[in-house]
């Protein structure tokens, strides 16, 4: 299935979760905020939040420093 991640198409297996997507993209261990179709998805929900074809995601990683 295809989802849109930060305006770019991304292919995933059917039934993939937010956690699986983040692992695939290398974000699994980073501080990141996830929005699906305009709604924030909290970290505790990532392992069971199943994505659907056509979902639009925005991923924002946090960078420290000054």
N, C-alpha and C. Protein backbone atom coordinates (compact mmCIF):
# COMPACT_ATOMS: atom_id res chain seq x y z
N UNK A 1 0.85 -1.18 0.00
CA UNK A 1 0.00 0.00 0.00
C UNK A 1 0.88 1.23 0.00
N UNK A 2 0.33 2.33 -0.43
CA UNK A 2 1.08 3.58 -0.49
C UNK A 2 0.49 4.58 0.50
N UNK A 3 1.37 5.18 1.30
CA UNK A 3 1.01 6.30 2.17
C UNK A 3 1.91 7.47 1.75
N UNK A 4 1.55 8.65 2.19
CA UNK A 4 2.33 9.84 1.88
C UNK A 4 3.01 10.31 3.16
N UNK A 5 4.34 10.36 3.14
CA UNK A 5 5.12 10.76 4.31
C UNK A 5 5.88 12.03 3.96
N UNK A 6 5.56 13.10 4.67
CA UNK A 6 6.19 14.40 4.41
C UNK A 6 6.18 14.72 2.91
N UNK A 7 5.01 14.54 2.30
CA UNK A 7 4.74 14.84 0.89
C UNK A 7 5.39 13.89 -0.11
N UNK A 8 5.95 12.77 0.38
CA UNK A 8 6.58 11.79 -0.50
C UNK A 8 5.88 10.44 -0.38
N UNK A 9 5.58 9.76 -1.50
CA UNK A 9 4.96 8.44 -1.42
C UNK A 9 5.91 7.43 -0.79
N UNK A 10 5.34 6.55 0.01
CA UNK A 10 6.12 5.51 0.69
C UNK A 10 5.34 4.20 0.61
N UNK A 11 5.99 3.14 0.16
CA UNK A 11 5.34 1.83 0.07
C UNK A 11 5.50 1.08 1.39
N UNK A 12 4.40 0.50 1.86
CA UNK A 12 4.38 -0.28 3.10
C UNK A 12 3.59 -1.55 2.89
N UNK A 13 3.84 -2.53 3.73
CA UNK A 13 3.04 -3.75 3.73
C UNK A 13 1.64 -3.43 4.26
N UNK A 14 0.64 -4.14 3.77
CA UNK A 14 -0.72 -3.97 4.28
C UNK A 14 -0.73 -4.19 5.79
N UNK A 15 -1.45 -3.34 6.51
CA UNK A 15 -1.56 -3.49 7.96
C UNK A 15 -0.36 -2.96 8.73
N UNK A 16 0.56 -2.26 8.06
CA UNK A 16 1.73 -1.71 8.74
C UNK A 16 1.29 -0.70 9.79
N UNK A 17 2.05 -0.62 10.86
CA UNK A 17 1.77 0.32 11.94
C UNK A 17 2.69 1.52 11.84
N UNK A 18 2.37 2.55 12.62
CA UNK A 18 3.24 3.72 12.68
C UNK A 18 4.63 3.29 13.15
N UNK A 19 4.71 2.41 14.15
CA UNK A 19 6.00 1.94 14.66
C UNK A 19 6.81 1.26 13.55
N UNK A 20 6.16 0.43 12.74
CA UNK A 20 6.86 -0.26 11.64
C UNK A 20 7.37 0.74 10.61
N UNK A 21 6.58 1.75 10.29
CA UNK A 21 7.00 2.77 9.35
C UNK A 21 8.23 3.51 9.87
N UNK A 22 8.20 3.90 11.14
CA UNK A 22 9.33 4.62 11.71
C UNK A 22 10.59 3.76 11.71
N UNK A 23 10.44 2.48 11.98
CA UNK A 23 11.58 1.55 11.92
C UNK A 23 12.13 1.49 10.50
N UNK A 24 11.25 1.35 9.53
CA UNK A 24 11.64 1.27 8.12
C UNK A 24 12.39 2.52 7.67
N UNK A 25 11.98 3.67 8.17
CA UNK A 25 12.58 4.94 7.76
C UNK A 25 13.77 5.35 8.62
N UNK A 26 14.08 4.56 9.66
CA UNK A 26 15.22 4.87 10.51
C UNK A 26 14.94 5.90 11.59
N UNK A 27 13.67 6.14 11.89
CA UNK A 27 13.28 7.11 12.92
C UNK A 27 12.99 6.46 14.27
N UNK A 28 13.07 5.15 14.36
CA UNK A 28 12.58 4.42 15.53
C UNK A 28 13.19 4.90 16.85
N UNK A 29 14.43 5.28 16.84
CA UNK A 29 15.10 5.65 18.09
C UNK A 29 15.24 7.16 18.27
N UNK A 30 14.69 7.92 17.37
CA UNK A 30 14.81 9.38 17.47
C UNK A 30 13.58 9.97 18.14
N UNK A 31 13.77 11.20 18.60
CA UNK A 31 12.62 11.95 19.11
C UNK A 31 11.88 12.48 17.91
N UNK A 32 10.64 12.04 17.76
CA UNK A 32 9.87 12.41 16.58
C UNK A 32 8.40 12.57 16.95
N UNK A 33 7.73 13.50 16.30
CA UNK A 33 6.29 13.66 16.44
C UNK A 33 5.66 13.13 15.16
N UNK A 34 4.52 12.44 15.32
CA UNK A 34 3.84 11.83 14.17
C UNK A 34 2.41 12.34 14.10
N UNK A 35 2.06 12.82 12.91
CA UNK A 35 0.70 13.26 12.64
C UNK A 35 0.18 12.44 11.47
N UNK A 36 -1.02 11.86 11.63
CA UNK A 36 -1.65 11.09 10.56
C UNK A 36 -2.97 11.77 10.21
N UNK A 37 -3.07 12.17 8.95
CA UNK A 37 -4.29 12.85 8.47
C UNK A 37 -4.68 14.02 9.35
N UNK A 38 -3.67 14.78 9.81
CA UNK A 38 -3.92 15.98 10.58
C UNK A 38 -4.08 15.79 12.07
N UNK A 39 -4.02 14.55 12.56
CA UNK A 39 -4.19 14.28 13.99
C UNK A 39 -2.89 13.71 14.57
N UNK A 40 -2.49 14.24 15.71
CA UNK A 40 -1.29 13.76 16.39
C UNK A 40 -1.51 12.34 16.91
N UNK A 41 -0.53 11.48 16.71
CA UNK A 41 -0.58 10.11 17.23
C UNK A 41 0.47 10.02 18.33
N UNK A 42 0.04 9.74 19.57
CA UNK A 42 0.98 9.69 20.69
C UNK A 42 1.83 8.43 20.62
N UNK A 43 3.04 8.54 21.14
CA UNK A 43 4.03 7.46 21.07
C UNK A 43 3.48 6.12 21.57
N UNK A 44 2.72 6.12 22.64
CA UNK A 44 2.19 4.86 23.17
C UNK A 44 1.28 4.14 22.19
N UNK A 45 0.70 4.86 21.23
CA UNK A 45 -0.21 4.26 20.26
C UNK A 45 0.49 3.76 19.00
N UNK A 46 1.75 4.12 18.79
CA UNK A 46 2.45 3.76 17.55
C UNK A 46 2.45 2.26 17.24
N UNK A 47 2.69 1.38 18.23
CA UNK A 47 2.76 -0.05 17.89
C UNK A 47 1.44 -0.64 17.39
N UNK A 48 0.31 -0.09 17.80
CA UNK A 48 -0.97 -0.65 17.37
C UNK A 48 -1.74 0.22 16.38
N UNK A 49 -1.22 1.40 16.05
CA UNK A 49 -1.91 2.30 15.11
C UNK A 49 -1.64 1.83 13.68
N UNK A 50 -2.64 1.19 13.09
CA UNK A 50 -2.48 0.65 11.73
C UNK A 50 -2.76 1.73 10.69
N UNK A 51 -1.87 1.79 9.71
CA UNK A 51 -2.02 2.74 8.63
C UNK A 51 -2.85 2.16 7.51
N UNK A 52 -3.48 3.04 6.74
CA UNK A 52 -4.31 2.64 5.60
C UNK A 52 -3.76 3.29 4.34
N UNK A 53 -4.00 2.66 3.22
CA UNK A 53 -3.58 3.23 1.93
C UNK A 53 -4.13 4.65 1.81
N UNK A 54 -3.27 5.57 1.40
CA UNK A 54 -3.68 6.95 1.20
C UNK A 54 -3.51 7.84 2.41
N UNK A 55 -3.17 7.25 3.58
CA UNK A 55 -2.94 8.09 4.76
C UNK A 55 -1.83 9.09 4.46
N UNK A 56 -1.98 10.28 5.05
CA UNK A 56 -0.97 11.34 4.89
C UNK A 56 -0.33 11.56 6.26
N UNK A 57 0.99 11.37 6.32
CA UNK A 57 1.71 11.50 7.57
C UNK A 57 2.70 12.66 7.49
N UNK A 58 2.86 13.32 8.62
CA UNK A 58 3.92 14.31 8.78
C UNK A 58 4.78 13.83 9.94
N UNK A 59 6.07 13.71 9.69
CA UNK A 59 7.04 13.32 10.72
C UNK A 59 7.95 14.49 10.97
N UNK A 60 8.09 14.85 12.23
CA UNK A 60 8.96 15.96 12.61
C UNK A 60 9.90 15.44 13.69
N UNK A 61 11.21 15.46 13.41
CA UNK A 61 12.16 15.04 14.43
C UNK A 61 12.70 16.26 15.15
N UNK A 62 12.97 16.06 16.44
CA UNK A 62 13.44 17.15 17.27
C UNK A 62 14.96 17.12 17.33
N UNK A 63 15.56 18.29 17.20
CA UNK A 63 17.00 18.43 17.22
C UNK A 63 17.36 19.39 18.34
N UNK A 64 18.27 18.97 19.22
CA UNK A 64 18.72 19.84 20.30
C UNK A 64 19.91 20.67 19.88
N UNK A 65 20.25 21.58 20.70
CA UNK A 65 21.42 22.42 20.42
C UNK A 65 21.09 23.89 20.57
N UNK A 66 22.08 24.68 20.27
CA UNK A 66 21.78 26.09 20.44
C UNK A 66 22.76 26.97 19.74
